[in-house]
């Protein structure tokens, strides 16, 4: 059912225990986190489809896999190898 109105939350939002959390005092949003330490913090896995752009520095703490099954770039942290 569609409602033809704006949805406004002024002070914060919490969905389930830690599914979505937003705080106007912290000015931060957590998905899978109730204590976000960045403007947007995603706890757990996430998937981005379509075009994605990262501006600035991205820090990857574990393996980095680019392309289906790592067909473009693989950085294997435990083995200390990068493959193109």
PDB file of N, CA and C in Angstrom:
ATOM      1  N   UNK A   1       0.839  -1.173   0.000  1.00  0.00           N
ATOM      2  CA  UNK A   1       0.000   0.000   0.000  1.00  0.00           C
ATOM      3  C   UNK A   1       0.886   1.238   0.000  1.00  0.00           C
ATOM      4  N   UNK A   2       0.702   2.098  -0.944  1.00  0.00           N
ATOM      5  CA  UNK A   2       1.498   3.321  -1.054  1.00  0.00           C
ATOM      6  C   UNK A   2       0.814   4.468  -0.317  1.00  0.00           C
ATOM      7  N   UNK A   3       1.624   5.282   0.325  1.00  0.00           N
ATOM      8  CA  UNK A   3       1.114   6.459   1.022  1.00  0.00           C
ATOM      9  C   UNK A   3       1.746   7.669   0.356  1.00  0.00           C
ATOM     10  N   UNK A   4       0.940   8.606  -0.034  1.00  0.00           N
ATOM     11  CA  UNK A   4       1.428   9.780  -0.746  1.00  0.00           C
ATOM     12  C   UNK A   4       1.815  10.880   0.238  1.00  0.00           C
ATOM     13  N   UNK A   5       2.786  10.590   1.117  1.00  0.00           N
ATOM     14  CA  UNK A   5       3.264  11.562   2.088  1.00  0.00           C
ATOM     15  C   UNK A   5       4.761  11.375   2.283  1.00  0.00           C
ATOM     16  N   UNK A   6       5.393  12.415   2.746  1.00  0.00           N
ATOM     17  CA  UNK A   6       6.802  12.314   3.108  1.00  0.00           C
ATOM     18  C   UNK A   6       6.935  11.568   4.423  1.00  0.00           C
ATOM     19  N   UNK A   7       8.047  10.896   4.594  1.00  0.00           N
ATOM     20  CA  UNK A   7       8.341  10.186   5.830  1.00  0.00           C
ATOM     21  C   UNK A   7       9.468  10.930   6.512  1.00  0.00           C
ATOM     22  N   UNK A   8       9.200  11.495   7.663  1.00  0.00           N
ATOM     23  CA  UNK A   8      10.185  12.321   8.351  1.00  0.00           C
ATOM     24  C   UNK A   8      10.468  11.745   9.736  1.00  0.00           C
ATOM     25  N   UNK A   9      11.747  11.555  10.042  1.00  0.00           N
ATOM     26  CA  UNK A   9      12.182  11.140  11.367  1.00  0.00           C
ATOM     27  C   UNK A   9      13.097  12.240  11.878  1.00  0.00           C
ATOM     28  N   UNK A  10      12.758  12.832  13.011  1.00  0.00           N
ATOM     29  CA  UNK A  10      13.504  13.992  13.473  1.00  0.00           C
ATOM     30  C   UNK A  10      14.610  13.677  14.481  1.00  0.00           C
ATOM     31  N   UNK A  11      14.428  12.688  15.324  1.00  0.00           N
ATOM     32  CA  UNK A  11      15.391  12.462  16.396  1.00  0.00           C
ATOM     33  C   UNK A  11      16.247  11.222  16.218  1.00  0.00           C
ATOM     34  N   UNK A  12      15.787  10.250  15.467  1.00  0.00           N
ATOM     35  CA  UNK A  12      16.539   9.017  15.282  1.00  0.00           C
ATOM     36  C   UNK A  12      15.614   7.904  14.845  1.00  0.00           C
ATOM     37  N   UNK A  13      16.213   6.794  14.489  1.00  0.00           N
ATOM     38  CA  UNK A  13      15.459   5.658  13.992  1.00  0.00           C
ATOM     39  C   UNK A  13      16.179   4.389  14.398  1.00  0.00           C
ATOM     40  N   UNK A  14      15.428   3.407  14.848  1.00  0.00           N
ATOM     41  CA  UNK A  14      16.009   2.101  15.144  1.00  0.00           C
ATOM     42  C   UNK A  14      15.043   1.047  14.634  1.00  0.00           C
ATOM     43  N   UNK A  15      15.571   0.135  13.801  1.00  0.00           N
ATOM     44  CA  UNK A  15      14.781  -0.958  13.250  1.00  0.00           C
ATOM     45  C   UNK A  15      15.384  -2.254  13.752  1.00  0.00           C
ATOM     46  N   UNK A  16      14.571  -3.087  14.410  1.00  0.00           N
ATOM     47  CA  UNK A  16      15.024  -4.318  15.048  1.00  0.00           C
ATOM     48  C   UNK A  16      16.121  -3.962  16.063  1.00  0.00           C
ATOM     49  N   UNK A  17      16.915  -4.929  16.463  1.00  0.00           N
ATOM     50  CA  UNK A  17      17.944  -4.672  17.466  1.00  0.00           C
ATOM     51  C   UNK A  17      19.106  -3.885  16.886  1.00  0.00           C
ATOM     52  N   UNK A  18      19.593  -4.299  15.710  1.00  0.00           N
ATOM     53  CA  UNK A  18      20.708  -3.570  15.098  1.00  0.00           C
ATOM     54  C   UNK A  18      20.649  -3.633  13.571  1.00  0.00           C
ATOM     55  N   UNK A  19      19.439  -3.691  13.021  1.00  0.00           N
ATOM     56  CA  UNK A  19      19.303  -3.738  11.563  1.00  0.00           C
ATOM     57  C   UNK A  19      19.626  -2.372  10.958  1.00  0.00           C
ATOM     58  N   UNK A  20      18.921  -1.337  11.394  1.00  0.00           N
ATOM     59  CA  UNK A  20      19.195   0.031  10.952  1.00  0.00           C
ATOM     60  C   UNK A  20      19.131   0.926  12.177  1.00  0.00           C
ATOM     61  N   UNK A  21      20.114   1.816  12.299  1.00  0.00           N
ATOM     62  CA  UNK A  21      20.176   2.731  13.431  1.00  0.00           C
ATOM     63  C   UNK A  21      20.593   4.093  12.905  1.00  0.00           C
ATOM     64  N   UNK A  22      19.842   5.129  13.257  1.00  0.00           N
ATOM     65  CA  UNK A  22      20.192   6.496  12.865  1.00  0.00           C
ATOM     66  C   UNK A  22      20.028   7.395  14.077  1.00  0.00           C
ATOM     67  N   UNK A  23      20.985   8.274  14.266  1.00  0.00           N
ATOM     68  CA  UNK A  23      20.958   9.161  15.424  1.00  0.00           C
ATOM     69  C   UNK A  23      21.179  10.594  14.980  1.00  0.00           C
ATOM     70  N   UNK A  24      20.269  11.478  15.346  1.00  0.00           N
ATOM     71  CA  UNK A  24      20.440  12.889  15.002  1.00  0.00           C
ATOM     72  C   UNK A  24      21.533  13.528  15.849  1.00  0.00           C
ATOM     73  N   UNK A  25      21.750  13.033  17.065  1.00  0.00           N
ATOM     74  CA  UNK A  25      22.811  13.615  17.899  1.00  0.00           C
ATOM     75  C   UNK A  25      24.192  13.181  17.425  1.00  0.00           C
ATOM     76  N   UNK A  26      24.335  11.942  16.938  1.00  0.00           N
ATOM     77  CA  UNK A  26      25.617  11.481  16.407  1.00  0.00           C
ATOM     78  C   UNK A  26      25.828  11.910  14.961  1.00  0.00           C
ATOM     79  N   UNK A  27      24.742  12.187  14.246  1.00  0.00           N
ATOM     80  CA  UNK A  27      24.779  12.504  12.817  1.00  0.00           C
ATOM     81  C   UNK A  27      25.403  11.349  12.028  1.00  0.00           C
ATOM     82  N   UNK A  28      25.040  10.114  12.429  1.00  0.00           N
ATOM     83  CA  UNK A  28      25.593   8.909  11.815  1.00  0.00           C
ATOM     84  C   UNK A  28      24.490   7.881  11.622  1.00  0.00           C
ATOM     85  N   UNK A  29      24.707   6.962  10.662  1.00  0.00           N
ATOM     86  CA  UNK A  29      23.773   5.883  10.382  1.00  0.00           C
ATOM     87  C   UNK A  29      24.528   4.566  10.433  1.00  0.00           C
ATOM     88  N   UNK A  30      23.956   3.589  11.104  1.00  0.00           N
ATOM     89  CA  UNK A  30      24.550   2.263  11.177  1.00  0.00           C
ATOM     90  C   UNK A  30      23.609   1.237  10.582  1.00  0.00           C
ATOM     91  N   UNK A  31      24.126   0.405   9.711  1.00  0.00           N
ATOM     92  CA  UNK A  31      23.384  -0.736   9.183  1.00  0.00           C
ATOM     93  C   UNK A  31      24.091  -1.961   9.745  1.00  0.00           C
ATOM     94  N   UNK A  32      23.424  -2.689  10.606  1.00  0.00           N
ATOM     95  CA  UNK A  32      24.060  -3.802  11.299  1.00  0.00           C
ATOM     96  C   UNK A  32      24.938  -3.332  12.444  1.00  0.00           C
ATOM     97  N   UNK A  33      24.765  -2.099  12.885  1.00  0.00           N
ATOM     98  CA  UNK A  33      25.569  -1.538  13.971  1.00  0.00           C
ATOM     99  C   UNK A  33      24.745  -0.486  14.698  1.00  0.00           C
ATOM    100  N   UNK A  34      24.768  -0.508  16.022  1.00  0.00           N
ATOM    101  CA  UNK A  34      24.101   0.537  16.797  1.00  0.00           C
ATOM    102  C   UNK A  34      25.081   1.569  17.344  1.00  0.00           C
ATOM    103  N   UNK A  35      26.371   1.393  17.036  1.00  0.00           N
ATOM    104  CA  UNK A  35      27.390   2.363  17.435  1.00  0.00           C
ATOM    105  C   UNK A  35      28.247   2.740  16.233  1.00  0.00           C
ATOM    106  N   UNK A  36      27.661   3.380  15.213  1.00  0.00           N
ATOM    107  CA  UNK A  36      28.455   3.717  14.027  1.00  0.00           C
ATOM    108  C   UNK A  36      29.556   4.709  14.357  1.00  0.00           C
ATOM    109  N   UNK A  37      30.744   4.459  13.806  1.00  0.00           N
ATOM    110  CA  UNK A  37      31.884   5.344  14.040  1.00  0.00           C
ATOM    111  C   UNK A  37      32.196   6.196  12.814  1.00  0.00           C
ATOM    112  N   UNK A  38      31.400   6.040  11.747  1.00  0.00           N
ATOM    113  CA  UNK A  38      31.558   6.839  10.540  1.00  0.00           C
ATOM    114  C   UNK A  38      30.178   7.347  10.138  1.00  0.00           C
ATOM    115  N   UNK A  39      30.110   8.256   9.185  1.00  0.00           N
ATOM    116  CA  UNK A  39      28.830   8.788   8.734  1.00  0.00           C
ATOM    117  C   UNK A  39      27.880   7.667   8.334  1.00  0.00           C
ATOM    118  N   UNK A  40      28.397   6.655   7.627  1.00  0.00           N
ATOM    119  CA  UNK A  40      27.652   5.447   7.320  1.00  0.00           C
ATOM    120  C   UNK A  40      28.541   4.257   7.624  1.00  0.00           C
ATOM    121  N   UNK A  41      28.085   3.405   8.527  1.00  0.00           N
ATOM    122  CA  UNK A  41      28.843   2.203   8.859  1.00  0.00           C
ATOM    123  C   UNK A  41      27.977   0.982   8.561  1.00  0.00           C
ATOM    124  N   UNK A  42      28.540   0.046   7.800  1.00  0.00           N
ATOM    125  CA  UNK A  42      27.849  -1.189   7.482  1.00  0.00           C
ATOM    126  C   UNK A  42      28.572  -2.317   8.194  1.00  0.00           C
ATOM    127  N   UNK A  43      27.877  -2.999   9.098  1.00  0.00           N
ATOM    128  CA  UNK A  43      28.443  -4.131   9.809  1.00  0.00           C
ATOM    129  C   UNK A  43      28.035  -5.415   9.123  1.00  0.00           C
ATOM    130  N   UNK A  44      28.993  -6.246   8.779  1.00  0.00           N
ATOM    131  CA  UNK A  44      28.691  -7.491   8.073  1.00  0.00           C
ATOM    132  C   UNK A  44      28.959  -7.346   6.585  1.00  0.00           C
ATOM    133  N   UNK A  45      28.469  -8.285   5.834  1.00  0.00           N
ATOM    134  CA  UNK A  45      28.684  -8.274   4.382  1.00  0.00           C
ATOM    135  C   UNK A  45      27.779  -7.244   3.717  1.00  0.00           C
ATOM    136  N   UNK A  46      28.223  -6.759   2.564  1.00  0.00           N
ATOM    137  CA  UNK A  46      27.350  -5.927   1.761  1.00  0.00           C
ATOM    138  C   UNK A  46      27.632  -6.206   0.295  1.00  0.00           C
ATOM    139  N   UNK A  47      26.665  -5.885  -0.541  1.00  0.00           N
ATOM    140  CA  UNK A  47      26.794  -6.116  -1.972  1.00  0.00           C
ATOM    141  C   UNK A  47      26.384  -4.842  -2.695  1.00  0.00           C
ATOM    142  N   UNK A  48      27.197  -4.448  -3.662  1.00  0.00           N
ATOM    143  CA  UNK A  48      26.873  -3.304  -4.500  1.00  0.00           C
ATOM    144  C   UNK A  48      26.748  -3.795  -5.933  1.00  0.00           C
ATOM    145  N   UNK A  49      25.629  -3.528  -6.553  1.00  0.00           N
ATOM    146  CA  UNK A  49      25.442  -3.903  -7.950  1.00  0.00           C
ATOM    147  C   UNK A  49      25.424  -2.643  -8.791  1.00  0.00           C
ATOM    148  N   UNK A  50      25.765  -2.786 -10.048  1.00  0.00           N
ATOM    149  CA  UNK A  50      25.852  -1.616 -10.915  1.00  0.00           C
ATOM    150  C   UNK A  50      27.207  -0.964 -10.772  1.00  0.00           C
ATOM    151  N   UNK A  51      27.290   0.277 -11.127  1.00  0.00           N
ATOM    152  CA  UNK A  51      28.546   1.024 -11.043  1.00  0.00           C
ATOM    153  C   UNK A  51      28.727   1.555  -9.632  1.00  0.00           C
ATOM    154  N   UNK A  52      29.921   1.414  -9.097  1.00  0.00           N
ATOM    155  CA  UNK A  52      30.244   1.934  -7.775  1.00  0.00           C
ATOM    156  C   UNK A  52      31.493   2.791  -7.883  1.00  0.00           C
ATOM    157  N   UNK A  53      31.504   3.868  -7.142  1.00  0.00           N
ATOM    158  CA  UNK A  53      32.644   4.781  -7.166  1.00  0.00           C
ATOM    159  C   UNK A  53      33.135   4.996  -5.746  1.00  0.00           C
ATOM    160  N   UNK A  54      34.448   4.854  -5.555  1.00  0.00           N
ATOM    161  CA  UNK A  54      35.070   5.157  -4.279  1.00  0.00           C
ATOM    162  C   UNK A  54      35.962   6.364  -4.505  1.00  0.00           C
ATOM    163  N   UNK A  55      35.706   7.427  -3.775  1.00  0.00           N
ATOM    164  CA  UNK A  55      36.501   8.640  -3.899  1.00  0.00           C
ATOM    165  C   UNK A  55      37.324   8.772  -2.635  1.00  0.00           C
ATOM    166  N   UNK A  56      38.611   8.927  -2.777  1.00  0.00           N
ATOM    167  CA  UNK A  56      39.485   8.999  -1.624  1.00  0.00           C
ATOM    168  C   UNK A  56      40.240   7.695  -1.466  1.00  0.00           C
ATOM    169  N   UNK A  57      40.537   7.342  -0.255  1.00  0.00           N
ATOM    170  CA  UNK A  57      41.319   6.149   0.038  1.00  0.00           C
ATOM    171  C   UNK A  57      40.390   5.062   0.560  1.00  0.00           C
ATOM    172  N   UNK A  58      40.507   3.861   0.007  1.00  0.00           N
ATOM    173  CA  UNK A  58      39.757   2.709   0.494  1.00  0.00           C
ATOM    174  C   UNK A  58      40.738   1.773   1.193  1.00  0.00           C
ATOM    175  N   UNK A  59      40.408   1.353   2.376  1.00  0.00           N
ATOM    176  CA  UNK A  59      41.236   0.426   3.118  1.00  0.00           C
ATOM    177  C   UNK A  59      40.553  -0.929   3.127  1.00  0.00           C
ATOM    178  N   UNK A  60      41.257  -1.934   2.625  1.00  0.00           N
ATOM    179  CA  UNK A  60      40.737  -3.297   2.597  1.00  0.00           C
ATOM    180  C   UNK A  60      41.580  -4.108   3.565  1.00  0.00           C
ATOM    181  N   UNK A  61      40.958  -4.671   4.583  1.00  0.00           N
ATOM    182  CA  UNK A  61      41.714  -5.349   5.629  1.00  0.00           C
ATOM    183  C   UNK A  61      41.939  -6.824   5.337  1.00  0.00           C
ATOM    184  N   UNK A  62      41.134  -7.420   4.497  1.00  0.00           N
ATOM    185  CA  UNK A  62      41.305  -8.820   4.126  1.00  0.00           C
ATOM    186  C   UNK A  62      41.520  -8.889   2.617  1.00  0.00           C
ATOM    187  N   UNK A  63      41.283 -10.029   2.023  1.00  0.00           N
ATOM    188  CA  UNK A  63      41.505 -10.205   0.585  1.00  0.00           C
ATOM    189  C   UNK A  63      40.634  -9.268  -0.240  1.00  0.00           C
ATOM    190  N   UNK A  64      41.188  -8.810  -1.346  1.00  0.00           N
ATOM    191  CA  UNK A  64      40.461  -7.985  -2.312  1.00  0.00           C
ATOM    192  C   UNK A  64      40.308  -8.794  -3.583  1.00  0.00           C
ATOM    193  N   UNK A  65      39.079  -8.964  -4.037  1.00  0.00           N
ATOM    194  CA  UNK A  65      38.793  -9.742  -5.241  1.00  0.00           C
ATOM    195  C   UNK A  65      37.988  -8.855  -6.178  1.00  0.00           C
ATOM    196  N   UNK A  66      38.500  -8.650  -7.395  1.00  0.00           N
ATOM    197  CA  UNK A  66      37.818  -7.825  -8.385  1.00  0.00           C
ATOM    198  C   UNK A  66      37.505  -8.682  -9.595  1.00  0.00           C
ATOM    199  N   UNK A  67      36.282  -8.618 -10.069  1.00  0.00           N
ATOM    200  CA  UNK A  67      35.853  -9.439 -11.194  1.00  0.00           C
ATOM    201  C   UNK A  67      35.247 -10.738 -10.690  1.00  0.00           C
ATOM    202  N   UNK A  68      34.478 -11.390 -11.523  1.00  0.00           N
ATOM    203  CA  UNK A  68      33.828 -12.640 -11.149  1.00  0.00           C
ATOM    204  C   UNK A  68      34.876 -13.685 -10.789  1.00  0.00           C
ATOM    205  N   UNK A  69      34.865 -14.126  -9.540  1.00  0.00           N
ATOM    206  CA  UNK A  69      35.824 -15.124  -9.087  1.00  0.00           C
ATOM    207  C   UNK A  69      37.259 -14.639  -9.102  1.00  0.00           C
ATOM    208  N   UNK A  70      37.476 -13.322  -9.053  1.00  0.00           N
ATOM    209  CA  UNK A  70      38.832 -12.782  -9.050  1.00  0.00           C
ATOM    210  C   UNK A  70      39.503 -12.793 -10.407  1.00  0.00           C
ATOM    211  N   UNK A  71      38.732 -12.644 -11.479  1.00  0.00           N
ATOM    212  CA  UNK A  71      39.288 -12.715 -12.828  1.00  0.00           C
ATOM    213  C   UNK A  71      40.046 -11.456 -13.242  1.00  0.00           C
ATOM    214  N   UNK A  72      39.922 -10.374 -12.487  1.00  0.00           N
ATOM    215  CA  UNK A  72      40.622  -9.139 -12.845  1.00  0.00           C
ATOM    216  C   UNK A  72      41.803  -8.886 -11.903  1.00  0.00           C
ATOM    217  N   UNK A  73      41.540  -8.798 -10.613  1.00  0.00           N
ATOM    218  CA  UNK A  73      42.586  -8.553  -9.612  1.00  0.00           C
ATOM    219  C   UNK A  73      42.289  -9.405  -8.383  1.00  0.00           C
ATOM    220  N   UNK A  74      43.323  -9.994  -7.816  1.00  0.00           N
ATOM    221  CA  UNK A  74      43.208 -10.693  -6.535  1.00  0.00           C
ATOM    222  C   UNK A  74      44.380 -10.255  -5.668  1.00  0.00           C
ATOM    223  N   UNK A  75      44.074  -9.780  -4.465  1.00  0.00           N
ATOM    224  CA  UNK A  75      45.110  -9.498  -3.483  1.00  0.00           C
ATOM    225  C   UNK A  75      44.876 -10.435  -2.324  1.00  0.00           C
ATOM    226  N   UNK A  76      45.774 -11.389  -2.143  1.00  0.00           N
ATOM    227  CA  UNK A  76      45.663 -12.404  -1.099  1.00  0.00           C
ATOM    228  C   UNK A  76      46.569 -11.993   0.057  1.00  0.00           C
ATOM    229  N   UNK A  77      45.966 -11.510   1.127  1.00  0.00           N
ATOM    230  CA  UNK A  77      46.722 -10.992   2.260  1.00  0.00           C
ATOM    231  C   UNK A  77      47.557 -12.073   2.933  1.00  0.00           C
ATOM    232  N   UNK A  78      46.947 -13.229   3.191  1.00  0.00           N
ATOM    233  CA  UNK A  78      47.661 -14.278   3.921  1.00  0.00           C
ATOM    234  C   UNK A  78      48.853 -14.830   3.127  1.00  0.00           C
ATOM    235  N   UNK A  79      48.769 -14.883   1.792  1.00  0.00           N
ATOM    236  CA  UNK A  79      49.864 -15.367   0.978  1.00  0.00           C
ATOM    237  C   UNK A  79      50.823 -14.249   0.571  1.00  0.00           C
ATOM    238  N   UNK A  80      50.404 -12.995   0.771  1.00  0.00           N
ATOM    239  CA  UNK A  80      51.248 -11.873   0.392  1.00  0.00           C
ATOM    240  C   UNK A  80      51.408 -11.724  -1.099  1.00  0.00           C
ATOM    241  N   UNK A  81      50.345 -12.005  -1.865  1.00  0.00           N
ATOM    242  CA  UNK A  81      50.421 -11.959  -3.330  1.00  0.00           C
ATOM    243  C   UNK A  81      49.333 -11.079  -3.922  1.00  0.00           C
ATOM    244  N   UNK A  82      49.684 -10.483  -5.063  1.00  0.00           N
ATOM    245  CA  UNK A  82      48.713  -9.727  -5.856  1.00  0.00           C
ATOM    246  C   UNK A  82      48.761 -10.297  -7.266  1.00  0.00           C
ATOM    247  N   UNK A  83      47.583 -10.595  -7.797  1.00  0.00           N
ATOM    248  CA  UNK A  83      47.519 -11.138  -9.156  1.00  0.00           C
ATOM    249  C   UNK A  83      46.639 -10.271 -10.035  1.00  0.00           C
ATOM    250  N   UNK A  84      47.104 -10.080 -11.262  1.00  0.00           N
ATOM    251  CA  UNK A  84      46.317  -9.322 -12.248  1.00  0.00           C
ATOM    252  C   UNK A  84      45.937 -10.257 -13.370  1.00  0.00           C
TER     253      UNK A  84
END
